[in-house]
């Protein structure tokens, strides 16, 4: 049995919330523990959002309950009327997280059959203790920087391998092409990396560190282009096509492909390759013409593939250089 960090933080924050509620002599102190249990989330920002949302929903719930209980009395029917209005309003005002928690606190008014300052204050203190200890627990989050860097390097390595396999396929078309395998592996890695990058960004209170999320989105777009390149490549009759210039530029890209590469030198080589093809002799027959067209399409897709990275580098250059510096200095503590 594995006990995760979130489980430990939930247990501690719930226990402390109940202890504090008992210390202050609040009614129904265990409710503070339940609120803390439900308020510990995966990230710092989400825990604050959930906490604020629950406090806001309690304000709404208390207002509606006050009207319903005073009109219909402290009974189950009045509680049902309260729910008929509270649930849709909380959902409409983007406070769905507060519906169950606030409604549990509203039952305290129902049980006590009163809505005076003391019992209302009791409900709000329980809420503040629950969400407060949950937010405090979530102030500690493990640093995911190294994990994200490892994901970057692994995805970049897979892309280099795919480019190298394209080179091999063009040089030795009878050999098995491993392109689809690499694409599946990259999609799996990107899905997990994107999730971690979102959590990393949401754990930065005072800065919007979306570099990794932007990076993986950039690679995701590149992988979609690689899919098109793979489809074109597998339909190409290599024996009827002059592929040597394409092999050269693909090989160069696979050797220099990296996070810190701005892509300009590769783009220049692709442009030179396209120009060399445009100046070569015309195709001799229909088959050669069709294959030459596919090769042109492949190179244009390759150009778009590198452009995506070049645009990303231009937009994030200072951050790229900073991340590379941190990598050379070693992982953060």
Protein backbone atom coordinates (compact mmCIF):
# COMPACT_ATOMS: atom_id res chain seq x y z
CA UNK A 1 0.00 0.00 0.00
CA UNK A 2 1.38 3.37 -1.05
CA UNK A 3 0.50 6.51 0.91
CA UNK A 4 0.91 9.62 -1.24
CA UNK A 5 1.78 13.17 -0.25
CA UNK A 6 -1.77 14.40 -0.85
CA UNK A 7 -3.14 11.72 1.50
CA UNK A 8 -0.70 12.76 4.25
CA UNK A 9 -1.58 16.44 3.83
CA UNK A 10 -5.30 15.64 3.89
CA UNK A 11 -5.00 13.62 7.09
CA UNK A 12 -2.96 16.33 8.85
CA UNK A 13 -5.10 19.28 7.73
CA UNK A 14 -8.38 17.51 8.62
CA UNK A 15 -7.10 16.54 12.07
CA UNK A 16 -5.81 20.05 12.82
CA UNK A 17 -9.08 21.62 11.66
CA UNK A 18 -11.08 19.44 14.06
CA UNK A 19 -8.65 20.09 16.94
CA UNK A 20 -8.86 23.87 16.42
CA UNK A 21 -12.64 23.77 16.12
CA UNK A 22 -12.82 21.89 19.42
CA UNK A 23 -10.35 24.28 21.04
CA UNK A 24 -12.52 27.27 20.11
CA UNK A 25 -15.64 25.49 21.34
CA UNK A 26 -17.39 25.44 17.97
CA UNK A 27 -20.47 23.32 17.43
CA UNK A 28 -20.13 20.32 15.07
CA UNK A 29 -16.27 20.49 15.00
CA UNK A 30 -15.95 17.41 12.80
CA UNK A 31 -17.46 19.43 9.94
CA UNK A 32 -14.22 21.47 9.80
CA UNK A 33 -12.30 18.24 9.24
CA UNK A 34 -14.62 17.15 6.43
CA UNK A 35 -14.27 20.55 4.75
CA UNK A 36 -10.46 20.29 4.97
CA UNK A 37 -10.61 16.76 3.56
CA UNK A 38 -12.60 17.97 0.55
CA UNK A 39 -10.46 21.09 0.02
CA UNK A 40 -6.96 19.61 -0.36
CA UNK A 41 -6.38 19.59 -4.13
CA UNK A 42 -3.51 18.81 -6.51
CA UNK A 43 -2.19 22.38 -6.81
CA UNK A 44 -1.81 25.58 -4.80
CA UNK A 45 -3.97 27.71 -7.08
CA UNK A 46 -6.79 25.17 -7.24
CA UNK A 47 -6.88 24.88 -3.42
CA UNK A 48 -7.23 28.68 -3.12
CA UNK A 49 -9.89 28.73 -5.84
CA UNK A 50 -11.85 25.94 -4.14
CA UNK A 51 -11.53 27.66 -0.75
CA UNK A 52 -12.76 31.03 -2.01
CA UNK A 53 -15.54 29.34 -3.96
CA UNK A 54 -16.74 27.50 -0.85
CA UNK A 55 -16.77 30.63 1.29
CA UNK A 56 -18.72 32.45 -1.42
CA UNK A 57 -21.17 29.57 -1.72
CA UNK A 58 -21.75 29.64 2.05
CA UNK A 59 -22.70 33.32 1.85
CA UNK A 60 -25.24 32.47 -0.86
CA UNK A 61 -26.47 29.36 0.97
CA UNK A 62 -26.93 31.21 4.27
CA UNK A 63 -28.89 33.99 2.55
CA UNK A 64 -31.23 31.53 0.82
CA UNK A 65 -31.62 29.39 3.95
CA UNK A 66 -32.53 32.46 6.01
CA UNK A 67 -35.38 33.26 3.61
CA UNK A 68 -36.59 29.65 3.30
CA UNK A 69 -36.47 28.79 7.02
CA UNK A 70 -38.21 32.02 8.00
CA UNK A 71 -40.94 31.51 5.40
CA UNK A 72 -41.55 27.77 5.83
CA UNK A 73 -40.03 26.95 9.20
CA UNK A 74 -37.13 24.73 10.21
CA UNK A 75 -38.19 21.50 8.52
CA UNK A 76 -37.22 19.15 5.69
CA UNK A 77 -39.59 20.84 3.25
CA UNK A 78 -37.92 24.22 3.75
CA UNK A 79 -34.53 22.56 3.27
CA UNK A 80 -35.77 21.09 -0.01
CA UNK A 81 -36.96 24.51 -1.20
CA UNK A 82 -33.55 25.95 -0.28
CA UNK A 83 -31.84 23.28 -2.41
CA UNK A 84 -34.14 24.00 -5.36
CA UNK A 85 -32.76 27.55 -5.54
CA UNK A 86 -29.23 27.07 -4.16
CA UNK A 87 -27.99 24.31 -6.49
CA UNK A 88 -28.77 26.03 -9.82
CA UNK A 89 -27.59 29.44 -8.55
CA UNK A 90 -24.29 28.02 -7.24
CA UNK A 91 -23.74 26.23 -10.55
CA UNK A 92 -24.60 29.36 -12.55
CA UNK A 93 -22.17 31.49 -10.52
CA UNK A 94 -19.36 28.92 -10.90
CA UNK A 95 -19.38 27.68 -7.29
CA UNK A 96 -20.27 23.98 -7.70
CA UNK A 97 -17.50 22.93 -5.27
CA UNK A 98 -19.41 24.62 -2.47
CA UNK A 99 -22.77 22.91 -2.97
CA UNK A 100 -22.29 19.81 -0.76
CA UNK A 101 -20.13 21.50 1.90
CA UNK A 102 -22.36 24.55 2.30
CA UNK A 103 -25.47 22.41 2.39
CA UNK A 104 -24.02 20.32 5.23
CA UNK A 105 -23.38 23.53 7.19
CA UNK A 106 -26.94 24.69 6.44
CA UNK A 107 -28.23 21.54 8.16
CA UNK A 108 -26.70 22.92 11.38
CA UNK A 109 -29.20 25.79 11.21
CA UNK A 110 -31.93 23.24 10.63
CA UNK A 111 -30.90 21.08 13.58
CA UNK A 112 -30.50 24.07 15.91
CA UNK A 113 -33.76 25.63 14.57
CA UNK A 114 -32.25 29.10 14.66
CA UNK A 115 -30.28 31.49 12.48
CA UNK A 116 -28.79 33.97 14.89
CA UNK A 117 -25.34 35.54 14.81
CA UNK A 118 -23.82 32.77 16.94
CA UNK A 119 -24.83 29.81 14.78
CA UNK A 120 -24.08 31.63 11.52
CA UNK A 121 -20.65 32.63 12.85
CA UNK A 122 -20.11 29.02 13.89
CA UNK A 123 -20.72 27.86 10.29
CA UNK A 124 -18.34 30.41 8.83
CA UNK A 125 -15.62 29.62 11.38
CA UNK A 126 -15.90 25.93 10.50
CA UNK A 127 -15.55 26.82 6.83
CA UNK A 128 -12.56 29.12 7.45
CA UNK A 129 -10.77 26.45 9.50
CA UNK A 130 -11.39 23.72 6.93
CA UNK A 131 -10.32 25.63 3.84
CA UNK A 132 -7.58 27.47 5.76
CA UNK A 133 -5.79 24.31 6.86
CA UNK A 134 -6.23 22.83 3.37
CA UNK A 135 -4.56 25.88 1.79
CA UNK A 136 -1.76 25.78 4.39
CA UNK A 137 -1.17 22.08 3.65
CA UNK A 138 -0.96 22.80 -0.06
CA UNK A 139 1.69 25.48 0.39
CA UNK A 140 4.16 22.62 0.22
CA UNK A 141 4.37 21.06 -3.20
CA UNK A 142 7.25 18.91 -4.48
CA UNK A 143 9.37 20.58 -7.16
CA UNK A 144 8.50 19.03 -10.53
CA UNK A 145 11.18 20.90 -12.49
CA UNK A 146 13.50 17.89 -12.84
CA UNK A 147 10.62 15.63 -13.83
CA UNK A 148 9.51 18.09 -16.50
CA UNK A 149 13.06 18.49 -17.79
CA UNK A 150 13.35 14.69 -18.04
CA UNK A 151 10.09 14.62 -20.01
CA UNK A 152 11.40 17.28 -22.37
CA UNK A 153 14.58 15.38 -23.04
CA UNK A 154 12.76 12.09 -23.55
CA UNK A 155 10.27 13.59 -26.03
CA UNK A 156 13.05 15.42 -27.90
CA UNK A 157 15.01 12.16 -28.08
CA UNK A 158 12.00 10.37 -29.57
CA UNK A 159 11.65 13.10 -32.22
CA UNK A 160 15.35 12.79 -33.10
CA UNK A 161 14.93 9.02 -33.41
CA UNK A 162 11.93 9.50 -35.69
CA UNK A 163 13.86 11.88 -37.94
CA UNK A 164 16.73 9.38 -38.02
CA UNK A 165 14.33 6.58 -38.94
CA UNK A 166 13.07 8.74 -41.82
CA UNK A 167 16.67 9.06 -43.01
CA UNK A 168 17.11 5.28 -42.83
CA UNK A 169 13.83 4.70 -44.70
CA UNK A 170 14.86 7.02 -47.52
CA UNK A 171 18.30 5.42 -47.80
CA UNK A 172 17.14 1.82 -47.30
CA UNK A 173 13.42 1.67 -48.21
CA UNK A 174 13.22 -2.12 -47.79
CA UNK A 175 13.95 -1.86 -44.06
CA UNK A 176 11.05 -1.68 -41.60
CA UNK A 177 10.02 1.90 -40.84
CA UNK A 178 9.58 2.53 -37.08
CA UNK A 179 7.87 5.91 -37.43
CA UNK A 180 4.42 4.95 -36.12
CA UNK A 181 5.91 3.38 -32.99
CA UNK A 182 7.75 6.59 -32.13
CA UNK A 183 4.61 8.65 -32.75
CA UNK A 184 2.56 6.52 -30.34
CA UNK A 185 5.28 6.74 -27.68
CA UNK A 186 5.52 10.53 -28.09
CA UNK A 187 1.76 11.02 -27.78
CA UNK A 188 1.74 9.01 -24.55
CA UNK A 189 4.64 11.02 -23.13
CA UNK A 190 3.10 14.33 -24.15
CA UNK A 191 -0.24 13.50 -22.52
CA UNK A 192 1.44 12.86 -19.17
CA UNK A 193 3.86 15.77 -19.53
CA UNK A 194 1.03 18.20 -20.31
CA UNK A 195 -0.77 17.17 -17.10
CA UNK A 196 2.39 17.70 -15.00
CA UNK A 197 3.09 21.03 -16.70
CA UNK A 198 -0.40 22.31 -15.85
CA UNK A 199 0.12 21.34 -12.21
CA UNK A 200 3.54 23.01 -12.20
CA UNK A 201 2.04 26.25 -13.52
CA UNK A 202 -0.79 26.13 -10.98
CA UNK A 203 1.71 25.76 -8.15
CA UNK A 204 3.24 29.17 -8.87
CA UNK A 205 1.30 31.76 -6.86
CA UNK A 206 3.21 34.88 -7.82
CA UNK A 207 4.23 34.05 -11.38
CA UNK A 208 2.68 32.42 -14.43
CA UNK A 209 5.27 29.75 -15.20
CA UNK A 210 3.63 28.36 -18.31
CA UNK A 211 6.89 27.68 -20.14
CA UNK A 212 6.64 23.91 -19.87
CA UNK A 213 2.98 23.85 -20.85
CA UNK A 214 3.77 26.03 -23.88
CA UNK A 215 6.74 23.81 -24.69
CA UNK A 216 4.73 20.58 -24.66
CA UNK A 217 1.93 22.22 -26.65
CA UNK A 218 4.56 23.22 -29.22
CA UNK A 219 5.86 19.64 -29.37
CA UNK A 220 2.28 18.38 -29.60
CA UNK A 221 1.73 20.49 -32.70
CA UNK A 222 5.01 19.24 -34.13
CA UNK A 223 3.99 15.63 -33.55
CA UNK A 224 0.78 16.23 -35.53
CA UNK A 225 2.93 17.53 -38.40
CA UNK A 226 5.25 14.51 -38.07
CA UNK A 227 2.19 12.32 -38.57
CA UNK A 228 1.54 13.97 -41.92
CA UNK A 229 5.20 13.67 -42.85
CA UNK A 230 5.10 9.96 -41.99
CA UNK A 231 2.01 9.38 -44.15
CA UNK A 232 3.66 11.13 -47.11
CA UNK A 233 6.96 9.31 -46.60
CA UNK A 234 5.40 5.84 -46.53
CA UNK A 235 3.54 6.54 -49.79
CA UNK A 236 6.71 7.70 -51.53
CA UNK A 237 8.40 5.42 -54.11
CA UNK A 238 11.99 6.09 -53.13
CA UNK A 239 13.44 4.24 -56.12
CA UNK A 240 11.83 6.77 -58.48
CA UNK A 241 12.77 9.90 -56.53
CA UNK A 242 16.04 11.83 -56.04
CA UNK A 243 16.07 11.79 -52.22
CA UNK A 244 19.74 12.53 -51.46
CA UNK A 245 19.23 16.27 -50.66
CA UNK A 246 16.26 15.42 -48.42
CA UNK A 247 18.27 12.76 -46.62
CA UNK A 248 21.01 15.32 -45.97
CA UNK A 249 18.72 17.95 -44.44
CA UNK A 250 16.85 15.35 -42.35
CA UNK A 251 20.13 13.98 -41.03
CA UNK A 252 21.30 17.49 -40.13
CA UNK A 253 18.02 18.20 -38.31
CA UNK A 254 18.20 14.96 -36.32
CA UNK A 255 21.74 15.81 -35.18
CA UNK A 256 21.03 19.42 -34.16
CA UNK A 257 17.45 19.02 -32.88
CA UNK A 258 17.34 20.43 -29.33
CA UNK A 259 15.47 22.78 -27.01
CA UNK A 260 18.05 25.57 -27.42
CA UNK A 261 18.14 25.36 -31.23
CA UNK A 262 16.31 28.31 -32.79
CA UNK A 263 15.72 26.31 -35.98
CA UNK A 264 17.00 28.99 -38.36
CA UNK A 265 19.89 26.97 -39.78
CA UNK A 266 17.57 24.02 -40.47
CA UNK A 267 15.03 26.28 -42.16
CA UNK A 268 17.80 27.68 -44.38
CA UNK A 269 18.86 24.17 -45.36
CA UNK A 270 15.28 23.17 -46.18
CA UNK A 271 14.92 26.29 -48.35
CA UNK A 272 18.18 25.44 -50.13
CA UNK A 273 16.96 21.87 -50.67
CA UNK A 274 13.67 23.06 -52.16
CA UNK A 275 15.55 25.45 -54.39
CA UNK A 276 17.88 22.70 -55.61
CA UNK A 277 14.88 20.55 -56.53
CA UNK A 278 13.21 23.43 -58.37
CA UNK A 279 16.37 23.86 -60.47
CA UNK A 280 16.77 20.15 -61.24
CA UNK A 281 15.66 18.51 -64.47
CA UNK A 282 11.97 17.90 -65.02
CA UNK A 283 10.45 14.48 -64.20
CA UNK A 284 10.69 11.97 -67.04
CA UNK A 285 7.31 10.31 -66.52
CA UNK A 286 4.07 10.53 -64.53
CA UNK A 287 5.32 8.24 -61.75
CA UNK A 288 8.40 10.37 -61.16
CA UNK A 289 6.26 13.52 -61.26
CA UNK A 290 3.88 12.17 -58.59
CA UNK A 291 6.75 11.13 -56.33
CA UNK A 292 8.49 14.47 -56.81
CA UNK A 293 5.24 16.19 -55.78
CA UNK A 294 5.04 14.06 -52.65
CA UNK A 295 8.65 14.90 -51.83
CA UNK A 296 7.91 18.62 -52.21
CA UNK A 297 4.88 18.21 -49.94
CA UNK A 298 7.03 16.36 -47.41
CA UNK A 299 9.64 19.14 -47.40
CA UNK A 300 6.99 21.83 -47.00
CA UNK A 301 5.55 19.94 -44.02
CA UNK A 302 9.09 19.63 -42.65
CA UNK A 303 9.54 23.38 -43.08
CA UNK A 304 6.31 23.96 -41.13
CA UNK A 305 7.53 21.52 -38.47
CA UNK A 306 10.70 23.57 -37.90
CA UNK A 307 8.83 26.89 -38.12
CA UNK A 308 6.72 25.89 -35.13
CA UNK A 309 9.88 25.50 -33.05
CA UNK A 310 11.43 28.69 -34.46
CA UNK A 311 8.33 30.70 -33.48
CA UNK A 312 8.39 29.18 -30.00
CA UNK A 313 12.08 30.01 -29.57
CA UNK A 314 11.55 33.60 -30.67
CA UNK A 315 8.70 34.04 -28.18
CA UNK A 316 10.41 32.29 -25.25
CA UNK A 317 14.11 32.90 -25.92
CA UNK A 318 14.98 34.40 -22.48
CA UNK A 319 13.24 31.53 -20.69
CA UNK A 320 14.88 28.90 -22.92
CA UNK A 321 18.32 30.28 -22.11
CA UNK A 322 17.47 30.44 -18.41
CA UNK A 323 16.25 26.82 -18.35
CA UNK A 324 19.34 25.64 -20.20
CA UNK A 325 21.54 27.46 -17.68
CA UNK A 326 19.72 25.78 -14.79
CA UNK A 327 20.13 22.38 -16.45
CA UNK A 328 23.90 22.86 -16.74
CA UNK A 329 24.12 23.96 -13.11
CA UNK A 330 22.27 20.86 -11.97
CA UNK A 331 18.77 20.05 -10.69
CA UNK A 332 17.16 22.37 -8.19
CA UNK A 333 16.87 21.32 -4.57
